[in-house]
N, C-alpha and C. Protein backbone atom coordinates (compact mmCIF):
# COMPACT_ATOMS: atom_id res chain seq x y z
N MET A 1 4.06 28.93 -4.72
CA MET A 1 4.14 28.08 -3.55
C MET A 1 2.90 28.28 -2.68
N SER A 2 2.59 27.31 -1.90
CA SER A 2 1.37 27.30 -1.11
C SER A 2 1.53 28.13 0.17
N GLU A 3 0.40 28.75 0.57
CA GLU A 3 0.39 29.46 1.84
C GLU A 3 -0.30 28.64 2.91
N VAL A 4 -0.72 27.43 2.57
CA VAL A 4 -1.38 26.55 3.52
C VAL A 4 -0.33 25.94 4.43
N SER A 5 -0.71 25.69 5.68
CA SER A 5 0.21 25.08 6.63
C SER A 5 0.76 23.77 6.06
N THR A 6 2.05 23.55 6.26
CA THR A 6 2.66 22.34 5.72
C THR A 6 2.72 21.21 6.74
N THR A 7 2.26 21.44 7.93
CA THR A 7 2.17 20.38 8.92
C THR A 7 0.72 20.25 9.35
N PHE A 8 0.33 19.08 9.77
CA PHE A 8 -1.06 18.84 10.12
C PHE A 8 -1.18 18.52 11.60
N THR A 9 -1.97 19.33 12.31
CA THR A 9 -2.27 19.03 13.71
C THR A 9 -3.57 18.24 13.74
N GLN A 10 -3.96 17.84 14.91
CA GLN A 10 -5.16 17.02 15.05
C GLN A 10 -6.40 17.77 14.56
N ASP A 11 -6.42 19.11 14.69
CA ASP A 11 -7.60 19.87 14.32
C ASP A 11 -7.61 20.29 12.85
N GLU A 12 -6.48 20.22 12.17
CA GLU A 12 -6.41 20.66 10.79
C GLU A 12 -6.79 19.51 9.86
N ILE A 13 -7.27 19.91 8.70
CA ILE A 13 -7.64 18.90 7.72
C ILE A 13 -6.74 19.04 6.50
N ILE A 14 -6.69 17.99 5.73
CA ILE A 14 -5.93 17.99 4.49
C ILE A 14 -6.56 19.04 3.57
N PRO A 15 -5.79 19.98 3.04
CA PRO A 15 -6.38 21.07 2.25
C PRO A 15 -6.78 20.64 0.84
N GLU A 16 -7.81 21.30 0.33
CA GLU A 16 -8.21 21.15 -1.07
C GLU A 16 -7.19 21.89 -1.92
N PRO A 17 -6.98 21.46 -3.15
CA PRO A 17 -6.07 22.20 -4.03
C PRO A 17 -6.62 23.59 -4.34
N GLY A 18 -5.74 24.60 -4.28
CA GLY A 18 -6.12 25.95 -4.63
C GLY A 18 -5.94 26.18 -6.12
N GLU A 19 -6.07 27.42 -6.53
CA GLU A 19 -5.91 27.77 -7.95
C GLU A 19 -4.49 27.44 -8.40
N GLY A 20 -4.37 26.63 -9.43
CA GLY A 20 -3.06 26.27 -9.97
C GLY A 20 -2.34 25.19 -9.18
N GLN A 21 -3.00 24.61 -8.21
CA GLN A 21 -2.38 23.56 -7.39
C GLN A 21 -3.03 22.22 -7.66
N ARG A 22 -2.31 21.15 -7.33
CA ARG A 22 -2.89 19.81 -7.39
C ARG A 22 -2.06 18.89 -6.50
N TRP A 23 -2.72 17.83 -6.06
CA TRP A 23 -2.06 16.80 -5.29
C TRP A 23 -1.35 15.86 -6.26
N VAL A 24 -0.14 15.47 -5.91
CA VAL A 24 0.58 14.44 -6.66
C VAL A 24 1.08 13.41 -5.65
N VAL A 25 1.27 12.21 -6.13
CA VAL A 25 1.80 11.15 -5.29
C VAL A 25 3.22 10.88 -5.76
N VAL A 26 4.16 11.03 -4.84
CA VAL A 26 5.56 10.80 -5.15
C VAL A 26 5.90 9.37 -4.73
N HIS A 27 6.46 8.62 -5.67
CA HIS A 27 6.97 7.29 -5.36
C HIS A 27 8.46 7.50 -5.07
N ALA A 28 8.81 7.43 -3.80
CA ALA A 28 10.17 7.72 -3.36
C ALA A 28 11.09 6.52 -3.56
N ARG A 29 12.36 6.81 -3.65
CA ARG A 29 13.36 5.74 -3.68
C ARG A 29 13.30 5.00 -2.33
N PRO A 30 13.84 3.79 -2.25
CA PRO A 30 13.76 3.04 -0.99
C PRO A 30 14.30 3.82 0.21
N ARG A 31 13.51 3.84 1.26
CA ARG A 31 13.84 4.50 2.53
C ARG A 31 14.15 5.99 2.38
N CYS A 32 13.49 6.65 1.44
CA CYS A 32 13.71 8.09 1.22
C CYS A 32 12.44 8.91 1.43
N GLU A 33 11.39 8.33 2.00
CA GLU A 33 10.14 9.05 2.17
C GLU A 33 10.31 10.31 3.02
N LYS A 34 11.02 10.19 4.14
CA LYS A 34 11.21 11.35 5.01
C LYS A 34 12.13 12.38 4.37
N LYS A 35 13.04 11.94 3.52
CA LYS A 35 13.91 12.87 2.80
C LYS A 35 13.12 13.66 1.77
N VAL A 36 12.20 12.99 1.07
CA VAL A 36 11.32 13.69 0.13
C VAL A 36 10.48 14.70 0.90
N GLN A 37 9.93 14.29 2.04
CA GLN A 37 9.11 15.17 2.85
C GLN A 37 9.89 16.41 3.28
N ALA A 38 11.09 16.21 3.82
CA ALA A 38 11.89 17.34 4.30
C ALA A 38 12.28 18.28 3.15
N ALA A 39 12.67 17.71 2.02
CA ALA A 39 13.07 18.53 0.88
C ALA A 39 11.88 19.32 0.34
N ALA A 40 10.72 18.71 0.25
CA ALA A 40 9.52 19.40 -0.25
C ALA A 40 9.08 20.49 0.72
N LEU A 41 9.19 20.22 2.02
CA LEU A 41 8.85 21.25 3.01
C LEU A 41 9.79 22.45 2.90
N ARG A 42 11.08 22.18 2.65
CA ARG A 42 12.03 23.28 2.47
C ARG A 42 11.67 24.13 1.25
N GLN A 43 11.09 23.50 0.24
CA GLN A 43 10.64 24.22 -0.96
C GLN A 43 9.33 24.96 -0.71
N GLY A 44 8.68 24.69 0.41
CA GLY A 44 7.44 25.38 0.76
C GLY A 44 6.18 24.67 0.30
N TYR A 45 6.26 23.40 -0.07
CA TYR A 45 5.10 22.66 -0.53
C TYR A 45 4.41 21.97 0.63
N VAL A 46 3.12 21.72 0.46
CA VAL A 46 2.35 21.00 1.46
C VAL A 46 2.61 19.51 1.25
N VAL A 47 2.94 18.81 2.34
CA VAL A 47 3.30 17.40 2.25
C VAL A 47 2.52 16.62 3.30
N TYR A 48 2.01 15.46 2.90
CA TYR A 48 1.39 14.55 3.85
C TYR A 48 2.08 13.20 3.74
N LEU A 49 2.74 12.81 4.80
CA LEU A 49 3.39 11.51 4.90
C LEU A 49 2.78 10.78 6.08
N PRO A 50 1.80 9.90 5.84
CA PRO A 50 1.17 9.19 6.95
C PRO A 50 2.18 8.25 7.62
N LEU A 51 2.32 8.42 8.93
CA LEU A 51 3.27 7.62 9.71
C LEU A 51 2.51 6.80 10.74
N HIS A 52 3.08 5.66 11.09
CA HIS A 52 2.55 4.89 12.21
C HIS A 52 3.71 4.56 13.13
N ARG A 53 3.42 4.57 14.41
CA ARG A 53 4.44 4.37 15.43
C ARG A 53 4.60 2.89 15.72
N ARG A 54 5.84 2.45 15.72
CA ARG A 54 6.16 1.06 16.03
C ARG A 54 7.21 1.04 17.13
N THR A 55 7.04 0.12 18.06
CA THR A 55 7.98 -0.03 19.16
C THR A 55 8.68 -1.38 19.02
N HIS A 56 10.00 -1.33 19.11
CA HIS A 56 10.81 -2.55 19.01
C HIS A 56 11.60 -2.73 20.30
N ARG A 57 11.74 -3.97 20.69
CA ARG A 57 12.54 -4.29 21.87
C ARG A 57 13.84 -4.94 21.40
N TYR A 58 14.94 -4.43 21.93
CA TYR A 58 16.27 -4.98 21.66
C TYR A 58 16.85 -5.36 23.01
N GLY A 59 16.54 -6.56 23.46
CA GLY A 59 16.96 -6.97 24.80
C GLY A 59 16.23 -6.12 25.81
N ALA A 60 16.98 -5.35 26.62
CA ALA A 60 16.38 -4.50 27.64
C ALA A 60 16.00 -3.13 27.08
N ARG A 61 16.51 -2.80 25.90
CA ARG A 61 16.23 -1.48 25.32
C ARG A 61 14.92 -1.50 24.52
N VAL A 62 14.23 -0.39 24.61
CA VAL A 62 12.99 -0.22 23.85
C VAL A 62 13.15 1.02 22.98
N ARG A 63 12.90 0.88 21.70
CA ARG A 63 13.01 1.99 20.76
C ARG A 63 11.67 2.15 20.04
N THR A 64 11.29 3.41 19.83
CA THR A 64 10.06 3.71 19.13
C THR A 64 10.40 4.42 17.82
N PHE A 65 9.79 3.97 16.75
CA PHE A 65 10.04 4.52 15.43
C PHE A 65 8.73 4.98 14.79
N ASP A 66 8.79 6.08 14.06
CA ASP A 66 7.67 6.51 13.23
C ASP A 66 8.01 6.13 11.80
N ASN A 67 7.36 5.11 11.29
CA ASN A 67 7.62 4.60 9.95
C ASN A 67 6.49 4.99 9.00
N PRO A 68 6.80 5.16 7.71
CA PRO A 68 5.74 5.45 6.75
C PRO A 68 4.70 4.33 6.73
N LEU A 69 3.44 4.72 6.74
CA LEU A 69 2.37 3.73 6.69
C LEU A 69 2.37 3.01 5.35
N PHE A 70 2.65 3.77 4.28
CA PHE A 70 2.74 3.20 2.94
C PHE A 70 4.17 3.40 2.45
N PRO A 71 5.04 2.43 2.68
CA PRO A 71 6.44 2.60 2.28
C PRO A 71 6.56 2.96 0.80
N GLY A 72 7.32 4.02 0.55
CA GLY A 72 7.57 4.45 -0.82
C GLY A 72 6.67 5.56 -1.32
N TYR A 73 5.65 5.98 -0.56
CA TYR A 73 4.70 6.96 -1.07
C TYR A 73 4.59 8.19 -0.17
N VAL A 74 4.62 9.36 -0.82
CA VAL A 74 4.47 10.66 -0.15
C VAL A 74 3.47 11.47 -0.97
N PHE A 75 2.56 12.16 -0.30
CA PHE A 75 1.53 12.95 -0.96
C PHE A 75 1.91 14.42 -0.87
N CYS A 76 1.92 15.13 -2.00
CA CYS A 76 2.33 16.53 -2.03
C CYS A 76 1.29 17.37 -2.76
N LEU A 77 0.96 18.52 -2.16
CA LEU A 77 0.11 19.51 -2.80
C LEU A 77 1.02 20.61 -3.30
N THR A 78 1.03 20.81 -4.60
CA THR A 78 2.00 21.72 -5.18
C THR A 78 1.48 22.35 -6.46
N ASP A 79 2.24 23.28 -6.99
CA ASP A 79 1.92 23.92 -8.27
C ASP A 79 2.71 23.24 -9.38
N GLN A 80 2.65 23.78 -10.59
CA GLN A 80 3.33 23.16 -11.74
C GLN A 80 4.84 23.13 -11.54
N ASP A 81 5.43 24.19 -10.97
CA ASP A 81 6.88 24.20 -10.71
C ASP A 81 7.25 23.11 -9.71
N GLY A 82 6.40 22.92 -8.72
CA GLY A 82 6.65 21.88 -7.72
C GLY A 82 6.57 20.49 -8.31
N VAL A 83 5.64 20.28 -9.25
CA VAL A 83 5.53 18.99 -9.91
C VAL A 83 6.84 18.69 -10.64
N ARG A 84 7.35 19.69 -11.33
CA ARG A 84 8.62 19.52 -12.05
C ARG A 84 9.75 19.23 -11.06
N TRP A 85 9.81 20.02 -9.99
CA TRP A 85 10.86 19.82 -8.99
C TRP A 85 10.77 18.43 -8.35
N LEU A 86 9.54 17.99 -8.02
CA LEU A 86 9.35 16.68 -7.41
C LEU A 86 9.79 15.56 -8.36
N SER A 87 9.59 15.76 -9.65
CA SER A 87 9.97 14.74 -10.62
C SER A 87 11.47 14.63 -10.79
N GLN A 88 12.19 15.72 -10.51
CA GLN A 88 13.61 15.76 -10.80
C GLN A 88 14.53 15.67 -9.60
N ASN A 89 13.97 15.63 -8.39
CA ASN A 89 14.89 15.58 -7.24
C ASN A 89 15.44 14.16 -7.05
N ARG A 90 16.53 14.06 -6.37
CA ARG A 90 17.25 12.78 -6.31
C ARG A 90 16.60 11.71 -5.43
N TYR A 91 15.61 12.08 -4.65
CA TYR A 91 14.94 11.11 -3.78
C TYR A 91 13.69 10.49 -4.42
N THR A 92 13.29 11.01 -5.57
CA THR A 92 12.08 10.55 -6.24
C THR A 92 12.40 9.49 -7.29
N ALA A 93 11.68 8.38 -7.21
CA ALA A 93 11.81 7.34 -8.24
C ALA A 93 10.81 7.58 -9.36
N ASN A 94 9.61 8.04 -9.01
CA ASN A 94 8.56 8.25 -9.99
C ASN A 94 7.52 9.19 -9.39
N ARG A 95 6.65 9.68 -10.23
CA ARG A 95 5.56 10.55 -9.78
C ARG A 95 4.28 10.02 -10.38
N LEU A 96 3.24 9.90 -9.57
CA LEU A 96 1.95 9.39 -10.02
C LEU A 96 0.96 10.54 -10.11
N GLU A 97 0.31 10.66 -11.25
CA GLU A 97 -0.70 11.70 -11.44
C GLU A 97 -1.99 11.30 -10.73
N VAL A 98 -2.63 12.26 -10.10
CA VAL A 98 -3.90 12.03 -9.42
C VAL A 98 -5.01 12.52 -10.34
N VAL A 99 -5.83 11.61 -10.83
CA VAL A 99 -6.90 11.96 -11.76
C VAL A 99 -8.06 12.63 -11.01
N ASP A 100 -8.49 12.04 -9.90
CA ASP A 100 -9.62 12.57 -9.14
C ASP A 100 -9.10 13.21 -7.85
N GLN A 101 -8.87 14.51 -7.90
CA GLN A 101 -8.32 15.25 -6.75
C GLN A 101 -9.26 15.18 -5.54
N GLN A 102 -10.56 15.33 -5.75
CA GLN A 102 -11.52 15.34 -4.64
C GLN A 102 -11.53 13.99 -3.92
N GLN A 103 -11.47 12.91 -4.69
CA GLN A 103 -11.47 11.58 -4.08
C GLN A 103 -10.22 11.37 -3.25
N LEU A 104 -9.05 11.80 -3.76
CA LEU A 104 -7.81 11.65 -3.00
C LEU A 104 -7.88 12.45 -1.70
N VAL A 105 -8.35 13.69 -1.76
CA VAL A 105 -8.47 14.52 -0.55
C VAL A 105 -9.39 13.84 0.45
N HIS A 106 -10.53 13.32 -0.03
CA HIS A 106 -11.47 12.62 0.86
C HIS A 106 -10.81 11.41 1.52
N GLN A 107 -10.10 10.60 0.73
CA GLN A 107 -9.45 9.41 1.27
C GLN A 107 -8.32 9.76 2.22
N LEU A 108 -7.55 10.81 1.92
CA LEU A 108 -6.47 11.23 2.84
C LEU A 108 -7.04 11.74 4.15
N ARG A 109 -8.17 12.44 4.09
CA ARG A 109 -8.82 12.92 5.32
C ARG A 109 -9.30 11.75 6.17
N GLN A 110 -9.85 10.74 5.53
CA GLN A 110 -10.27 9.54 6.27
C GLN A 110 -9.07 8.86 6.92
N LEU A 111 -8.00 8.75 6.16
CA LEU A 111 -6.77 8.14 6.67
C LEU A 111 -6.24 8.93 7.86
N GLN A 112 -6.21 10.26 7.72
CA GLN A 112 -5.73 11.12 8.79
C GLN A 112 -6.57 10.94 10.05
N ALA A 113 -7.89 10.87 9.90
CA ALA A 113 -8.78 10.67 11.05
C ALA A 113 -8.52 9.33 11.72
N ALA A 114 -8.31 8.29 10.93
CA ALA A 114 -8.03 6.96 11.49
C ALA A 114 -6.72 6.97 12.26
N LEU A 115 -5.68 7.61 11.70
CA LEU A 115 -4.38 7.66 12.38
C LEU A 115 -4.45 8.48 13.67
N GLN A 116 -5.23 9.56 13.64
CA GLN A 116 -5.32 10.42 14.82
C GLN A 116 -6.22 9.84 15.91
N SER A 117 -6.99 8.80 15.59
CA SER A 117 -7.89 8.21 16.57
C SER A 117 -7.14 7.51 17.70
N GLY A 118 -5.89 7.14 17.45
CA GLY A 118 -5.13 6.41 18.45
C GLY A 118 -5.36 4.91 18.40
N LEU A 119 -6.27 4.47 17.56
CA LEU A 119 -6.53 3.04 17.43
C LEU A 119 -5.43 2.40 16.58
N LEU A 120 -5.27 1.11 16.73
CA LEU A 120 -4.26 0.38 15.97
C LEU A 120 -4.57 0.46 14.48
N THR A 121 -3.63 0.95 13.71
CA THR A 121 -3.79 1.01 12.26
C THR A 121 -2.64 0.27 11.61
N GLU A 122 -2.95 -0.48 10.58
CA GLU A 122 -1.95 -1.23 9.84
C GLU A 122 -2.26 -1.14 8.36
N ALA A 123 -1.23 -1.04 7.55
CA ALA A 123 -1.42 -1.09 6.10
C ALA A 123 -1.72 -2.53 5.71
N MET A 124 -2.59 -2.68 4.75
CA MET A 124 -2.96 -4.00 4.27
C MET A 124 -2.89 -4.00 2.76
N PRO A 125 -2.77 -5.16 2.16
CA PRO A 125 -2.82 -5.19 0.69
C PRO A 125 -4.18 -4.73 0.21
N TYR A 126 -4.21 -4.11 -0.95
CA TYR A 126 -5.47 -3.67 -1.54
C TYR A 126 -6.21 -4.90 -2.03
N LEU A 127 -7.34 -5.18 -1.41
CA LEU A 127 -8.11 -6.39 -1.74
C LEU A 127 -9.45 -5.97 -2.31
N GLU A 128 -9.69 -6.32 -3.55
CA GLU A 128 -10.96 -6.00 -4.17
C GLU A 128 -11.68 -7.29 -4.54
N ALA A 129 -12.98 -7.19 -4.61
CA ALA A 129 -13.78 -8.36 -4.96
C ALA A 129 -13.34 -8.90 -6.32
N GLY A 130 -13.23 -10.20 -6.41
CA GLY A 130 -12.85 -10.85 -7.65
C GLY A 130 -11.35 -11.09 -7.79
N ARG A 131 -10.57 -10.63 -6.85
CA ARG A 131 -9.12 -10.79 -6.92
C ARG A 131 -8.70 -12.10 -6.26
N ARG A 132 -7.71 -12.76 -6.84
CA ARG A 132 -7.19 -14.01 -6.27
C ARG A 132 -6.29 -13.69 -5.08
N VAL A 133 -6.47 -14.43 -4.00
CA VAL A 133 -5.69 -14.23 -2.78
C VAL A 133 -5.24 -15.56 -2.20
N ARG A 134 -4.30 -15.48 -1.27
CA ARG A 134 -3.84 -16.64 -0.52
C ARG A 134 -3.97 -16.29 0.96
N VAL A 135 -4.43 -17.23 1.76
CA VAL A 135 -4.53 -17.05 3.20
C VAL A 135 -3.13 -17.23 3.79
N GLN A 136 -2.65 -16.22 4.52
CA GLN A 136 -1.29 -16.20 5.04
C GLN A 136 -1.13 -16.86 6.41
N ALA A 137 -2.19 -16.89 7.21
CA ALA A 137 -2.07 -17.42 8.57
C ALA A 137 -3.41 -18.00 9.01
N GLY A 138 -3.38 -18.65 10.14
CA GLY A 138 -4.60 -19.22 10.70
C GLY A 138 -4.85 -20.63 10.20
N PRO A 139 -6.02 -21.19 10.54
CA PRO A 139 -6.30 -22.58 10.19
C PRO A 139 -6.45 -22.81 8.69
N LEU A 140 -6.67 -21.75 7.91
CA LEU A 140 -6.82 -21.89 6.46
C LEU A 140 -5.55 -21.53 5.71
N ARG A 141 -4.45 -21.42 6.40
CA ARG A 141 -3.18 -21.00 5.79
C ARG A 141 -2.86 -21.81 4.54
N GLY A 142 -2.49 -21.08 3.47
CA GLY A 142 -2.11 -21.72 2.23
C GLY A 142 -3.23 -21.87 1.22
N LEU A 143 -4.50 -21.72 1.67
CA LEU A 143 -5.61 -21.82 0.72
C LEU A 143 -5.61 -20.63 -0.22
N GLU A 144 -6.01 -20.88 -1.47
CA GLU A 144 -6.10 -19.82 -2.46
C GLU A 144 -7.51 -19.76 -3.00
N GLY A 145 -7.99 -18.54 -3.23
CA GLY A 145 -9.34 -18.39 -3.78
C GLY A 145 -9.58 -16.97 -4.24
N LEU A 146 -10.84 -16.70 -4.57
CA LEU A 146 -11.26 -15.37 -5.01
C LEU A 146 -11.97 -14.65 -3.87
N ILE A 147 -11.76 -13.35 -3.77
CA ILE A 147 -12.44 -12.56 -2.74
C ILE A 147 -13.84 -12.20 -3.19
N VAL A 148 -14.79 -12.33 -2.27
CA VAL A 148 -16.14 -11.82 -2.46
C VAL A 148 -16.54 -11.11 -1.18
N ARG A 149 -17.45 -10.17 -1.31
CA ARG A 149 -17.99 -9.47 -0.15
C ARG A 149 -19.48 -9.81 -0.07
N ILE A 150 -19.87 -10.36 1.06
CA ILE A 150 -21.26 -10.72 1.28
C ILE A 150 -21.70 -10.10 2.58
N LYS A 151 -22.67 -9.18 2.49
CA LYS A 151 -23.20 -8.49 3.67
C LYS A 151 -22.09 -7.88 4.51
N GLY A 152 -21.12 -7.25 3.85
CA GLY A 152 -20.04 -6.57 4.55
C GLY A 152 -18.95 -7.49 5.07
N GLN A 153 -19.06 -8.77 4.85
CA GLN A 153 -18.06 -9.71 5.32
C GLN A 153 -17.17 -10.15 4.17
N THR A 154 -15.90 -10.36 4.47
CA THR A 154 -14.96 -10.84 3.46
C THR A 154 -14.97 -12.35 3.46
N ARG A 155 -15.11 -12.90 2.28
CA ARG A 155 -15.10 -14.34 2.11
C ARG A 155 -14.19 -14.67 0.95
N ILE A 156 -13.62 -15.87 0.99
CA ILE A 156 -12.91 -16.35 -0.19
C ILE A 156 -13.69 -17.53 -0.75
N VAL A 157 -13.69 -17.58 -2.06
CA VAL A 157 -14.40 -18.65 -2.76
C VAL A 157 -13.37 -19.68 -3.20
N LEU A 158 -13.61 -20.91 -2.80
CA LEU A 158 -12.75 -22.04 -3.18
C LEU A 158 -13.49 -22.84 -4.24
N ASN A 159 -12.85 -23.03 -5.37
CA ASN A 159 -13.48 -23.73 -6.49
C ASN A 159 -13.04 -25.18 -6.56
N VAL A 160 -13.97 -26.05 -6.96
CA VAL A 160 -13.67 -27.42 -7.32
C VAL A 160 -14.04 -27.50 -8.80
N ASP A 161 -13.06 -27.23 -9.66
CA ASP A 161 -13.32 -27.11 -11.09
C ASP A 161 -13.87 -28.38 -11.71
N MET A 162 -13.41 -29.52 -11.25
CA MET A 162 -13.81 -30.79 -11.85
C MET A 162 -15.32 -31.00 -11.80
N ILE A 163 -15.94 -30.60 -10.70
CA ILE A 163 -17.39 -30.76 -10.58
C ILE A 163 -18.12 -29.42 -10.70
N ARG A 164 -17.38 -28.36 -10.99
CA ARG A 164 -17.92 -27.03 -11.19
C ARG A 164 -18.78 -26.59 -10.01
N GLU A 165 -18.22 -26.71 -8.84
CA GLU A 165 -18.86 -26.28 -7.60
C GLU A 165 -17.90 -25.37 -6.84
N SER A 166 -18.45 -24.55 -5.93
CA SER A 166 -17.63 -23.63 -5.13
C SER A 166 -18.14 -23.58 -3.71
N VAL A 167 -17.26 -23.19 -2.82
CA VAL A 167 -17.59 -23.00 -1.41
C VAL A 167 -17.01 -21.66 -1.01
N SER A 168 -17.76 -20.88 -0.23
CA SER A 168 -17.20 -19.63 0.28
C SER A 168 -16.96 -19.79 1.78
N VAL A 169 -15.83 -19.23 2.21
CA VAL A 169 -15.43 -19.32 3.61
C VAL A 169 -15.15 -17.91 4.12
N GLU A 170 -15.76 -17.57 5.28
CA GLU A 170 -15.49 -16.26 5.87
C GLU A 170 -14.08 -16.25 6.42
N VAL A 171 -13.38 -15.15 6.15
CA VAL A 171 -11.98 -15.06 6.54
C VAL A 171 -11.69 -13.61 6.94
N ASP A 172 -10.82 -13.43 7.92
CA ASP A 172 -10.38 -12.10 8.31
C ASP A 172 -9.49 -11.54 7.20
N SER A 173 -9.83 -10.38 6.65
CA SER A 173 -9.07 -9.85 5.52
C SER A 173 -7.62 -9.53 5.89
N ALA A 174 -7.33 -9.41 7.17
CA ALA A 174 -5.94 -9.17 7.58
C ALA A 174 -5.06 -10.38 7.32
N LEU A 175 -5.66 -11.54 7.14
CA LEU A 175 -4.90 -12.77 6.90
C LEU A 175 -4.66 -13.04 5.42
N LEU A 176 -5.16 -12.17 4.54
CA LEU A 176 -5.09 -12.41 3.11
C LEU A 176 -3.98 -11.62 2.44
N ALA A 177 -3.41 -12.21 1.41
CA ALA A 177 -2.40 -11.53 0.59
C ALA A 177 -2.73 -11.78 -0.87
N PRO A 178 -2.62 -10.75 -1.70
CA PRO A 178 -2.91 -10.97 -3.12
C PRO A 178 -1.89 -11.87 -3.78
N LEU A 179 -2.32 -12.61 -4.80
CA LEU A 179 -1.42 -13.47 -5.56
C LEU A 179 -0.82 -12.70 -6.70
């Protein structure tokens, strides 16, 4: 079991895997992310569950919730016994192997920094260049095209197949959803 702190404060960073340890991604059963987190912490494993705070109004009442940023996913740093335990507990639907441990640690640290900044953070669909998308809102709602990145800007390419011509339109990536 790990001797690294299992909770992360603003000054702490996501730890690198030690000898015999590795990060795994647990795909939790629906609405069981916090249960996986609590159970893994009881076992002594390092767990990172990125949360974002949401406030809901119910008439005059205001409630604040900390919801998983990525519903269904929990990140755990564990040893081989922990991997087995995570695969077999009742809150886990599946376990995803992490091929590049350094890249995952780097990306989790970036995510942690963004969440700790206090700025508005929202999960978005994974949008890569060349993927087909549909515009969900705004004046271009309903249009479908391919994503391209030009000088750091997100654009969708609209094709006119009959004349073999295309047009690219700049669009806010928050308005896009993959097809």
